[in-house]
Amino acid sequence: MGDIRFFRVEGHAGFAQAGQDIVCAGVSALTVSAVNGLEKYLSVPPVYRAEDGFLECTLKRLTTDQDRLMARAILGAMLQGLEGIRESHASRFVMFEQRRWTPC
């Protein structure tokens, strides 16, 4: 299986009122932290779009082995956290999409 190159989260969990929703807060914290980490540690930053209830992130190029390892670690940790939330709150997990790619 290849590396994660794209992810998108959208919607609201509706677990509690806005500002009190631990499911939305957890998903937001994991995904925004991942984007911040990618921006800080990769030589080519990700392209992302964030709006209320929406975040989409794409890695355009991973030019070095170091970039690939760093992206794999950051996005793998994000994915593990999201899986944990999904297992605990499956009925409130709105959407998670991923695309994987294999380098040439």
PDB file of N, CA and C in Angstrom:
ATOM      1  N   MET A   1       0.834  -1.165   0.000  1.00  0.00           N
ATOM      2  CA  MET A   1       0.000   0.000   0.000  1.00  0.00           C
ATOM      3  C   MET A   1       0.886   1.237   0.000  1.00  0.00           C
ATOM      4  N   GLY A   2       0.497   2.279  -0.711  1.00  0.00           N
ATOM      5  CA  GLY A   2       1.301   3.485  -0.835  1.00  0.00           C
ATOM      6  C   GLY A   2       1.068   4.475   0.287  1.00  0.00           C
ATOM      7  N   ASP A   3       1.640   5.648   0.125  1.00  0.00           N
ATOM      8  CA  ASP A   3       1.540   6.715   1.111  1.00  0.00           C
ATOM      9  C   ASP A   3       0.278   7.544   0.907  1.00  0.00           C
ATOM     10  N   ILE A   4      -0.188   8.163   1.998  1.00  0.00           N
ATOM     11  CA  ILE A   4      -1.324   9.078   1.905  1.00  0.00           C
ATOM     12  C   ILE A   4      -0.854  10.345   1.204  1.00  0.00           C
ATOM     13  N   ARG A   5      -1.583  10.779   0.222  1.00  0.00           N
ATOM     14  CA  ARG A   5      -1.237  11.972  -0.539  1.00  0.00           C
ATOM     15  C   ARG A   5      -2.315  13.035  -0.436  1.00  0.00           C
ATOM     16  N   PHE A   6      -3.514  12.651  -0.040  1.00  0.00           N
ATOM     17  CA  PHE A   6      -4.656  13.555   0.000  1.00  0.00           C
ATOM     18  C   PHE A   6      -5.577  13.133   1.131  1.00  0.00           C
ATOM     19  N   PHE A   7      -6.161  14.103   1.822  1.00  0.00           N
ATOM     20  CA  PHE A   7      -7.242  13.780   2.740  1.00  0.00           C
ATOM     21  C   PHE A   7      -8.221  14.941   2.814  1.00  0.00           C
ATOM     22  N   ARG A   8      -9.441  14.604   3.157  1.00  0.00           N
ATOM     23  CA  ARG A   8     -10.493  15.603   3.309  1.00  0.00           C
ATOM     24  C   ARG A   8     -11.401  15.174   4.452  1.00  0.00           C
ATOM     25  N   VAL A   9     -11.741  16.099   5.299  1.00  0.00           N
ATOM     26  CA  VAL A   9     -12.757  15.884   6.325  1.00  0.00           C
ATOM     27  C   VAL A   9     -13.797  16.978   6.139  1.00  0.00           C
ATOM     28  N   GLU A  10     -15.064  16.590   6.310  1.00  0.00           N
ATOM     29  CA  GLU A  10     -16.106  17.595   6.158  1.00  0.00           C
ATOM     30  C   GLU A  10     -17.324  17.230   6.983  1.00  0.00           C
ATOM     31  N   GLY A  11     -18.082  18.257   7.315  1.00  0.00           N
ATOM     32  CA  GLY A  11     -19.305  18.085   8.068  1.00  0.00           C
ATOM     33  C   GLY A  11     -19.090  18.354   9.542  1.00  0.00           C
ATOM     34  N   HIS A  12     -20.163  18.213  10.269  1.00  0.00           N
ATOM     35  CA  HIS A  12     -20.139  18.389  11.717  1.00  0.00           C
ATOM     36  C   HIS A  12     -20.701  17.121  12.344  1.00  0.00           C
ATOM     37  N   ALA A  13     -20.151  16.730  13.470  1.00  0.00           N
ATOM     38  CA  ALA A  13     -20.544  15.469  14.098  1.00  0.00           C
ATOM     39  C   ALA A  13     -21.924  15.544  14.731  1.00  0.00           C
ATOM     40  N   GLY A  14     -22.305  16.688  15.270  1.00  0.00           N
ATOM     41  CA  GLY A  14     -23.598  16.796  15.932  1.00  0.00           C
ATOM     42  C   GLY A  14     -23.658  16.031  17.245  1.00  0.00           C
ATOM     43  N   PHE A  15     -22.512  15.750  17.833  1.00  0.00           N
ATOM     44  CA  PHE A  15     -22.450  15.025  19.103  1.00  0.00           C
ATOM     45  C   PHE A  15     -22.930  15.911  20.250  1.00  0.00           C
ATOM     46  N   ALA A  16     -22.643  17.204  20.150  1.00  0.00           N
ATOM     47  CA  ALA A  16     -23.062  18.178  21.158  1.00  0.00           C
ATOM     48  C   ALA A  16     -23.165  19.542  20.467  1.00  0.00           C
ATOM     49  N   GLN A  17     -23.539  20.549  21.229  1.00  0.00           N
ATOM     50  CA  GLN A  17     -23.653  21.899  20.679  1.00  0.00           C
ATOM     51  C   GLN A  17     -22.286  22.384  20.217  1.00  0.00           C
ATOM     52  N   ALA A  18     -22.306  23.317  19.255  1.00  0.00           N
ATOM     53  CA  ALA A  18     -21.067  23.918  18.771  1.00  0.00           C
ATOM     54  C   ALA A  18     -20.272  24.456  19.957  1.00  0.00           C
ATOM     55  N   GLY A  19     -18.990  24.198  19.965  1.00  0.00           N
ATOM     56  CA  GLY A  19     -18.124  24.612  21.048  1.00  0.00           C
ATOM     57  C   GLY A  19     -18.027  23.589  22.172  1.00  0.00           C
ATOM     58  N   GLN A  20     -18.911  22.604  22.163  1.00  0.00           N
ATOM     59  CA  GLN A  20     -18.910  21.555  23.187  1.00  0.00           C
ATOM     60  C   GLN A  20     -18.729  20.162  22.578  1.00  0.00           C
ATOM     61  N   ASP A  21     -18.607  20.088  21.278  1.00  0.00           N
ATOM     62  CA  ASP A  21     -18.597  18.814  20.560  1.00  0.00           C
ATOM     63  C   ASP A  21     -17.202  18.200  20.557  1.00  0.00           C
ATOM     64  N   ILE A  22     -17.006  17.174  21.390  1.00  0.00           N
ATOM     65  CA  ILE A  22     -15.679  16.564  21.503  1.00  0.00           C
ATOM     66  C   ILE A  22     -15.275  15.797  20.250  1.00  0.00           C
ATOM     67  N   VAL A  23     -16.252  15.294  19.504  1.00  0.00           N
ATOM     68  CA  VAL A  23     -15.927  14.564  18.276  1.00  0.00           C
ATOM     69  C   VAL A  23     -15.372  15.534  17.236  1.00  0.00           C
ATOM     70  N   CYS A  24     -16.077  16.637  17.008  1.00  0.00           N
ATOM     71  CA  CYS A  24     -15.582  17.648  16.057  1.00  0.00           C
ATOM     72  C   CYS A  24     -14.236  18.209  16.513  1.00  0.00           C
ATOM     73  N   ALA A  25     -14.115  18.470  17.808  1.00  0.00           N
ATOM     74  CA  ALA A  25     -12.870  19.031  18.330  1.00  0.00           C
ATOM     75  C   ALA A  25     -11.706  18.063  18.111  1.00  0.00           C
ATOM     76  N   GLY A  26     -11.927  16.780  18.339  1.00  0.00           N
ATOM     77  CA  GLY A  26     -10.875  15.789  18.151  1.00  0.00           C
ATOM     78  C   GLY A  26     -10.447  15.675  16.702  1.00  0.00           C
ATOM     79  N   VAL A  27     -11.423  15.595  15.803  1.00  0.00           N
ATOM     80  CA  VAL A  27     -11.110  15.494  14.369  1.00  0.00           C
ATOM     81  C   VAL A  27     -10.386  16.753  13.905  1.00  0.00           C
ATOM     82  N   SER A  28     -10.876  17.909  14.340  1.00  0.00           N
ATOM     83  CA  SER A  28     -10.237  19.169  13.947  1.00  0.00           C
ATOM     84  C   SER A  28      -8.812  19.254  14.462  1.00  0.00           C
ATOM     85  N   ALA A  29      -8.604  18.898  15.720  1.00  0.00           N
ATOM     86  CA  ALA A  29      -7.264  18.972  16.298  1.00  0.00           C
ATOM     87  C   ALA A  29      -6.291  18.071  15.546  1.00  0.00           C
ATOM     88  N   LEU A  30      -6.706  16.862  15.243  1.00  0.00           N
ATOM     89  CA  LEU A  30      -5.825  15.928  14.540  1.00  0.00           C
ATOM     90  C   LEU A  30      -5.497  16.401  13.128  1.00  0.00           C
ATOM     91  N   THR A  31      -6.499  16.827  12.391  1.00  0.00           N
ATOM     92  CA  THR A  31      -6.276  17.178  10.987  1.00  0.00           C
ATOM     93  C   THR A  31      -5.549  18.510  10.829  1.00  0.00           C
ATOM     94  N   VAL A  32      -5.896  19.495  11.640  1.00  0.00           N
ATOM     95  CA  VAL A  32      -5.201  20.788  11.560  1.00  0.00           C
ATOM     96  C   VAL A  32      -3.753  20.629  12.025  1.00  0.00           C
ATOM     97  N   SER A  33      -3.529  19.851  13.061  1.00  0.00           N
ATOM     98  CA  SER A  33      -2.154  19.593  13.516  1.00  0.00           C
ATOM     99  C   SER A  33      -1.339  18.898  12.433  1.00  0.00           C
ATOM    100  N   ALA A  34      -1.961  17.981  11.715  1.00  0.00           N
ATOM    101  CA  ALA A  34      -1.252  17.302  10.623  1.00  0.00           C
ATOM    102  C   ALA A  34      -0.846  18.300   9.541  1.00  0.00           C
ATOM    103  N   VAL A  35      -1.759  19.169   9.144  1.00  0.00           N
ATOM    104  CA  VAL A  35      -1.426  20.180   8.131  1.00  0.00           C
ATOM    105  C   VAL A  35      -0.301  21.080   8.636  1.00  0.00           C
ATOM    106  N   ASN A  36      -0.399  21.514   9.891  1.00  0.00           N
ATOM    107  CA  ASN A  36       0.655  22.365  10.458  1.00  0.00           C
ATOM    108  C   ASN A  36       2.001  21.649  10.457  1.00  0.00           C
ATOM    109  N   GLY A  37       2.016  20.371  10.818  1.00  0.00           N
ATOM    110  CA  GLY A  37       3.256  19.600  10.810  1.00  0.00           C
ATOM    111  C   GLY A  37       3.821  19.450   9.408  1.00  0.00           C
ATOM    112  N   LEU A  38       2.956  19.189   8.451  1.00  0.00           N
ATOM    113  CA  LEU A  38       3.404  19.063   7.057  1.00  0.00           C
ATOM    114  C   LEU A  38       4.003  20.381   6.567  1.00  0.00           C
ATOM    115  N   GLU A  39       3.364  21.487   6.906  1.00  0.00           N
ATOM    116  CA  GLU A  39       3.886  22.802   6.504  1.00  0.00           C
ATOM    117  C   GLU A  39       5.264  23.066   7.119  1.00  0.00           C
ATOM    118  N   LYS A  40       5.432  22.672   8.356  1.00  0.00           N
ATOM    119  CA  LYS A  40       6.680  22.955   9.058  1.00  0.00           C
ATOM    120  C   LYS A  40       7.832  22.055   8.610  1.00  0.00           C
ATOM    121  N   TYR A  41       7.553  20.776   8.360  1.00  0.00           N
ATOM    122  CA  TYR A  41       8.642  19.817   8.187  1.00  0.00           C
ATOM    123  C   TYR A  41       8.913  19.370   6.755  1.00  0.00           C
ATOM    124  N   LEU A  42       8.030  19.656   5.821  1.00  0.00           N
ATOM    125  CA  LEU A  42       8.291  19.243   4.437  1.00  0.00           C
ATOM    126  C   LEU A  42       8.949  20.363   3.649  1.00  0.00           C
ATOM    127  N   SER A  43       9.804  20.004   2.697  1.00  0.00           N
ATOM    128  CA  SER A  43      10.451  21.022   1.866  1.00  0.00           C
ATOM    129  C   SER A  43       9.469  21.656   0.879  1.00  0.00           C
ATOM    130  N   VAL A  44       8.426  20.932   0.489  1.00  0.00           N
ATOM    131  CA  VAL A  44       7.346  21.467  -0.357  1.00  0.00           C
ATOM    132  C   VAL A  44       6.073  21.396   0.474  1.00  0.00           C
ATOM    133  N   PRO A  45       5.539  22.544   0.897  1.00  0.00           N
ATOM    134  CA  PRO A  45       4.376  22.513   1.788  1.00  0.00           C
ATOM    135  C   PRO A  45       3.137  21.959   1.084  1.00  0.00           C
ATOM    136  N   PRO A  46       2.194  21.462   1.877  1.00  0.00           N
ATOM    137  CA  PRO A  46       0.956  20.944   1.281  1.00  0.00           C
ATOM    138  C   PRO A  46       0.091  22.089   0.770  1.00  0.00           C
ATOM    139  N   VAL A  47      -0.825  21.745  -0.105  1.00  0.00           N
ATOM    140  CA  VAL A  47      -1.846  22.681  -0.554  1.00  0.00           C
ATOM    141  C   VAL A  47      -3.106  22.309   0.209  1.00  0.00           C
ATOM    142  N   TYR A  48      -3.709  23.283   0.873  1.00  0.00           N
ATOM    143  CA  TYR A  48      -4.901  22.954   1.656  1.00  0.00           C
ATOM    144  C   TYR A  48      -5.932  24.059   1.571  1.00  0.00           C
ATOM    145  N   ARG A  49      -7.155  23.687   1.905  1.00  0.00           N
ATOM    146  CA  ARG A  49      -8.280  24.630   1.967  1.00  0.00           C
ATOM    147  C   ARG A  49      -9.056  24.299   3.226  1.00  0.00           C
ATOM    148  N   ALA A  50      -9.293  25.315   4.033  1.00  0.00           N
ATOM    149  CA  ALA A  50     -10.019  25.124   5.284  1.00  0.00           C
ATOM    150  C   ALA A  50     -11.164  26.120   5.371  1.00  0.00           C
ATOM    151  N   GLU A  51     -12.325  25.626   5.727  1.00  0.00           N
ATOM    152  CA  GLU A  51     -13.509  26.434   5.949  1.00  0.00           C
ATOM    153  C   GLU A  51     -14.246  25.818   7.133  1.00  0.00           C
ATOM    154  N   ASP A  52     -15.310  26.437   7.562  1.00  0.00           N
ATOM    155  CA  ASP A  52     -16.093  25.895   8.662  1.00  0.00           C
ATOM    156  C   ASP A  52     -16.582  24.497   8.302  1.00  0.00           C
ATOM    157  N   GLY A  53     -16.165  23.517   9.067  1.00  0.00           N
ATOM    158  CA  GLY A  53     -16.604  22.145   8.841  1.00  0.00           C
ATOM    159  C   GLY A  53     -15.969  21.463   7.650  1.00  0.00           C
ATOM    160  N   PHE A  54     -14.844  21.988   7.161  1.00  0.00           N
ATOM    161  CA  PHE A  54     -14.221  21.419   5.959  1.00  0.00           C
ATOM    162  C   PHE A  54     -12.721  21.653   5.993  1.00  0.00           C
ATOM    163  N   LEU A  55     -11.953  20.620   5.680  1.00  0.00           N
ATOM    164  CA  LEU A  55     -10.508  20.735   5.493  1.00  0.00           C
ATOM    165  C   LEU A  55     -10.095  19.728   4.440  1.00  0.00           C
ATOM    166  N   GLU A  56      -9.368  20.207   3.447  1.00  0.00           N
ATOM    167  CA  GLU A  56      -8.852  19.352   2.382  1.00  0.00           C
ATOM    168  C   GLU A  56      -7.368  19.648   2.242  1.00  0.00           C
ATOM    169  N   CYS A  57      -6.572  18.603   2.146  1.00  0.00           N
ATOM    170  CA  CYS A  57      -5.117  18.767   2.085  1.00  0.00           C
ATOM    171  C   CYS A  57      -4.546  17.822   1.033  1.00  0.00           C
ATOM    172  N   THR A  58      -3.660  18.362   0.184  1.00  0.00           N
ATOM    173  CA  THR A  58      -3.012  17.578  -0.864  1.00  0.00           C
ATOM    174  C   THR A  58      -1.510  17.796  -0.805  1.00  0.00           C
ATOM    175  N   LEU A  59      -0.764  16.711  -0.889  1.00  0.00           N
ATOM    176  CA  LEU A  59       0.683  16.794  -1.024  1.00  0.00           C
ATOM    177  C   LEU A  59       0.995  16.745  -2.510  1.00  0.00           C
ATOM    178  N   LYS A  60       1.549  17.814  -3.032  1.00  0.00           N
ATOM    179  CA  LYS A  60       1.842  17.879  -4.468  1.00  0.00           C
ATOM    180  C   LYS A  60       3.070  17.060  -4.841  1.00  0.00           C
ATOM    181  N   ARG A  61       4.165  17.260  -4.107  1.00  0.00           N
ATOM    182  CA  ARG A  61       5.394  16.526  -4.421  1.00  0.00           C
ATOM    183  C   ARG A  61       6.131  16.219  -3.143  1.00  0.00           C
ATOM    184  N   LEU A  62       6.562  15.019  -3.022  1.00  0.00           N
ATOM    185  CA  LEU A  62       7.473  14.646  -1.938  1.00  0.00           C
ATOM    186  C   LEU A  62       8.808  14.354  -2.612  1.00  0.00           C
ATOM    187  N   THR A  63       9.700  15.326  -2.563  1.00  0.00           N
ATOM    188  CA  THR A  63      10.898  15.280  -3.393  1.00  0.00           C
ATOM    189  C   THR A  63      12.053  14.487  -2.802  1.00  0.00           C
ATOM    190  N   THR A  64      12.015  14.260  -1.483  1.00  0.00           N
ATOM    191  CA  THR A  64      13.144  13.565  -0.853  1.00  0.00           C
ATOM    192  C   THR A  64      12.630  12.407  -0.001  1.00  0.00           C
ATOM    193  N   ASP A  65      13.533  11.497   0.299  1.00  0.00           N
ATOM    194  CA  ASP A  65      13.184  10.406   1.214  1.00  0.00           C
ATOM    195  C   ASP A  65      12.789  10.956   2.576  1.00  0.00           C
ATOM    196  N   GLN A  66      13.480  12.004   3.023  1.00  0.00           N
ATOM    197  CA  GLN A  66      13.158  12.636   4.303  1.00  0.00           C
ATOM    198  C   GLN A  66      11.722  13.170   4.297  1.00  0.00           C
ATOM    199  N   ASP A  67      11.308  13.822   3.200  1.00  0.00           N
ATOM    200  CA  ASP A  67       9.930  14.319   3.087  1.00  0.00           C
ATOM    201  C   ASP A  67       8.930  13.166   3.147  1.00  0.00           C
ATOM    202  N   ARG A  68       9.226  12.097   2.447  1.00  0.00           N
ATOM    203  CA  ARG A  68       8.309  10.950   2.441  1.00  0.00           C
ATOM    204  C   ARG A  68       8.187  10.340   3.831  1.00  0.00           C
ATOM    205  N   LEU A  69       9.305  10.199   4.533  1.00  0.00           N
ATOM    206  CA  LEU A  69       9.265   9.644   5.888  1.00  0.00           C
ATOM    207  C   LEU A  69       8.509  10.560   6.846  1.00  0.00           C
ATOM    208  N   MET A  70       8.743  11.856   6.737  1.00  0.00           N
ATOM    209  CA  MET A  70       8.076  12.808   7.618  1.00  0.00           C
ATOM    210  C   MET A  70       6.571  12.824   7.343  1.00  0.00           C
ATOM    211  N   ALA A  71       6.182  12.856   6.076  1.00  0.00           N
ATOM    212  CA  ALA A  71       4.761  12.844   5.723  1.00  0.00           C
ATOM    213  C   ALA A  71       4.105  11.553   6.195  1.00  0.00           C
ATOM    214  N   ARG A  72       4.792  10.441   6.016  1.00  0.00           N
ATOM    215  CA  ARG A  72       4.257   9.148   6.451  1.00  0.00           C
ATOM    216  C   ARG A  72       4.029   9.141   7.961  1.00  0.00           C
ATOM    217  N   ALA A  73       4.960   9.685   8.731  1.00  0.00           N
ATOM    218  CA  ALA A  73       4.826   9.714  10.195  1.00  0.00           C
ATOM    219  C   ALA A  73       3.688  10.645  10.625  1.00  0.00           C
ATOM    220  N   ILE A  74       3.652  11.835  10.069  1.00  0.00           N
ATOM    221  CA  ILE A  74       2.629  12.813  10.459  1.00  0.00           C
ATOM    222  C   ILE A  74       1.238  12.322  10.080  1.00  0.00           C
ATOM    223  N   LEU A  75       1.072  11.873   8.838  1.00  0.00           N
ATOM    224  CA  LEU A  75      -0.253  11.448   8.380  1.00  0.00           C
ATOM    225  C   LEU A  75      -0.651  10.106   8.968  1.00  0.00           C
ATOM    226  N   GLY A  76       0.325   9.260   9.239  1.00  0.00           N
ATOM    227  CA  GLY A  76       0.016   7.992   9.905  1.00  0.00           C
ATOM    228  C   GLY A  76      -0.510   8.219  11.311  1.00  0.00           C
ATOM    229  N   ALA A  77       0.099   9.149  12.036  1.00  0.00           N
ATOM    230  CA  ALA A  77      -0.380   9.482  13.381  1.00  0.00           C
ATOM    231  C   ALA A  77      -1.784  10.084  13.315  1.00  0.00           C
ATOM    232  N   MET A  78      -2.021  10.955  12.338  1.00  0.00           N
ATOM    233  CA  MET A  78      -3.360  11.527  12.161  1.00  0.00           C
ATOM    234  C   MET A  78      -4.381  10.425  11.896  1.00  0.00           C
ATOM    235  N   LEU A  79      -4.038   9.516  11.007  1.00  0.00           N
ATOM    236  CA  LEU A  79      -4.949   8.441  10.647  1.00  0.00           C
ATOM    237  C   LEU A  79      -5.258   7.550  11.850  1.00  0.00           C
ATOM    238  N   GLN A  80      -4.256   7.233  12.658  1.00  0.00           N
ATOM    239  CA  GLN A  80      -4.485   6.423  13.853  1.00  0.00           C
ATOM    240  C   GLN A  80      -5.454   7.122  14.802  1.00  0.00           C
ATOM    241  N   GLY A  81      -5.278   8.417  14.987  1.00  0.00           N
ATOM    242  CA  GLY A  81      -6.190   9.176  15.847  1.00  0.00           C
ATOM    243  C   GLY A  81      -7.601   9.208  15.309  1.00  0.00           C
ATOM    244  N   LEU A  82      -7.749   9.405  14.015  1.00  0.00           N
ATOM    245  CA  LEU A  82      -9.080   9.427  13.398  1.00  0.00           C
ATOM    246  C   LEU A  82      -9.763   8.070  13.497  1.00  0.00           C
ATOM    247  N   GLU A  83      -8.988   7.008  13.327  1.00  0.00           N
ATOM    248  CA  GLU A  83      -9.552   5.664  13.460  1.00  0.00           C
ATOM    249  C   GLU A  83     -10.067   5.438  14.876  1.00  0.00           C
ATOM    250  N   GLY A  84      -9.334   5.933  15.870  1.00  0.00           N
ATOM    251  CA  GLY A  84      -9.774   5.804  17.252  1.00  0.00           C
ATOM    252  C   GLY A  84     -11.074   6.541  17.512  1.00  0.00           C
ATOM    253  N   ILE A  85     -11.196   7.741  16.970  1.00  0.00           N
ATOM    254  CA  ILE A  85     -12.451   8.496  17.112  1.00  0.00           C
ATOM    255  C   ILE A  85     -13.582   7.775  16.407  1.00  0.00           C
ATOM    256  N   ARG A  86     -13.313   7.276  15.223  1.00  0.00           N
ATOM    257  CA  ARG A  86     -14.357   6.577  14.455  1.00  0.00           C
ATOM    258  C   ARG A  86     -14.830   5.334  15.208  1.00  0.00           C
ATOM    259  N   GLU A  87     -13.923   4.606  15.809  1.00  0.00           N
ATOM    260  CA  GLU A  87     -14.311   3.406  16.559  1.00  0.00           C
ATOM    261  C   GLU A  87     -15.171   3.758  17.773  1.00  0.00           C
ATOM    262  N   SER A  88     -14.861   4.856  18.420  1.00  0.00           N
ATOM    263  CA  SER A  88     -15.596   5.257  19.624  1.00  0.00           C
ATOM    264  C   SER A  88     -16.916   5.953  19.317  1.00  0.00           C
ATOM    265  N   HIS A  89     -16.993   6.620  18.172  1.00  0.00           N
ATOM    266  CA  HIS A  89     -18.158   7.444  17.852  1.00  0.00           C
ATOM    267  C   HIS A  89     -18.595   7.225  16.400  1.00  0.00           C
ATOM    268  N   ALA A  90     -18.748   5.980  16.002  1.00  0.00           N
ATOM    269  CA  ALA A  90     -19.029   5.652  14.595  1.00  0.00           C
ATOM    270  C   ALA A  90     -20.267   6.363  14.059  1.00  0.00           C
ATOM    271  N   SER A  91     -21.298   6.516  14.869  1.00  0.00           N
ATOM    272  CA  SER A  91     -22.526   7.146  14.379  1.00  0.00           C
ATOM    273  C   SER A  91     -22.357   8.646  14.177  1.00  0.00           C
ATOM    274  N   ARG A  92     -21.291   9.234  14.725  1.00  0.00           N
ATOM    275  CA  ARG A  92     -21.069  10.673  14.614  1.00  0.00           C
ATOM    276  C   ARG A  92     -19.921  11.032  13.684  1.00  0.00           C
ATOM    277  N   PHE A  93     -19.264  10.051  13.160  1.00  0.00           N
ATOM    278  CA  PHE A  93     -18.124  10.295  12.275  1.00  0.00           C
ATOM    279  C   PHE A  93     -18.669  10.606  10.898  1.00  0.00           C
ATOM    280  N   VAL A  94     -18.541  11.852  10.473  1.00  0.00           N
ATOM    281  CA  VAL A  94     -19.223  12.313   9.270  1.00  0.00           C
ATOM    282  C   VAL A  94     -18.579  11.798   7.998  1.00  0.00           C
ATOM    283  N   MET A  95     -17.290  12.071   7.795  1.00  0.00           N
ATOM    284  CA  MET A  95     -16.666  11.662   6.533  1.00  0.00           C
ATOM    285  C   MET A  95     -15.160  11.691   6.670  1.00  0.00           C
ATOM    286  N   PHE A  96     -14.528  10.688   6.123  1.00  0.00           N
ATOM    287  CA  PHE A  96     -13.080  10.703   5.974  1.00  0.00           C
ATOM    288  C   PHE A  96     -12.765  10.025   4.661  1.00  0.00           C
ATOM    289  N   GLU A  97     -12.023  10.700   3.814  1.00  0.00           N
ATOM    290  CA  GLU A  97     -11.658  10.144   2.514  1.00  0.00           C
ATOM    291  C   GLU A  97     -10.147  10.193   2.403  1.00  0.00           C
ATOM    292  N   GLN A  98      -9.581   9.142   1.864  1.00  0.00           N
ATOM    293  CA  GLN A  98      -8.140   9.156   1.633  1.00  0.00           C
ATOM    294  C   GLN A  98      -7.837   8.561   0.270  1.00  0.00           C
ATOM    295  N   ARG A  99      -6.794   9.045  -0.334  1.00  0.00           N
ATOM    296  CA  ARG A  99      -6.282   8.481  -1.576  1.00  0.00           C
ATOM    297  C   ARG A  99      -4.827   8.119  -1.334  1.00  0.00           C
ATOM    298  N   ARG A 100      -4.455   6.971  -1.785  1.00  0.00           N
ATOM    299  CA  ARG A 100      -3.070   6.530  -1.592  1.00  0.00           C
ATOM    300  C   ARG A 100      -2.374   6.502  -2.962  1.00  0.00           C
ATOM    301  N   TRP A 101      -1.091   6.686  -2.940  1.00  0.00           N
ATOM    302  CA  TRP A 101      -0.320   6.643  -4.171  1.00  0.00           C
ATOM    303  C   TRP A 101       0.971   5.893  -3.923  1.00  0.00           C
ATOM    304  N   THR A 102       1.499   5.351  -4.980  1.00  0.00           N
ATOM    305  CA  THR A 102       2.766   4.658  -4.911  1.00  0.00           C
ATOM    306  C   THR A 102       3.763   5.428  -5.775  1.00  0.00           C
ATOM    307  N   PRO A 103       4.877   5.859  -5.211  1.00  0.00           N
ATOM    308  CA  PRO A 103       5.860   6.608  -6.008  1.00  0.00           C
ATOM    309  C   PRO A 103       6.400   5.763  -7.157  1.00  0.00           C
ATOM    310  N   CYS A 104       6.722   6.442  -8.236  1.00  0.00           N
ATOM    311  CA  CYS A 104       7.290   5.759  -9.411  1.00  0.00           C
ATOM    312  C   CYS A 104       8.678   5.250  -9.114  1.00  0.00           C
TER     313      CYS A 104
END
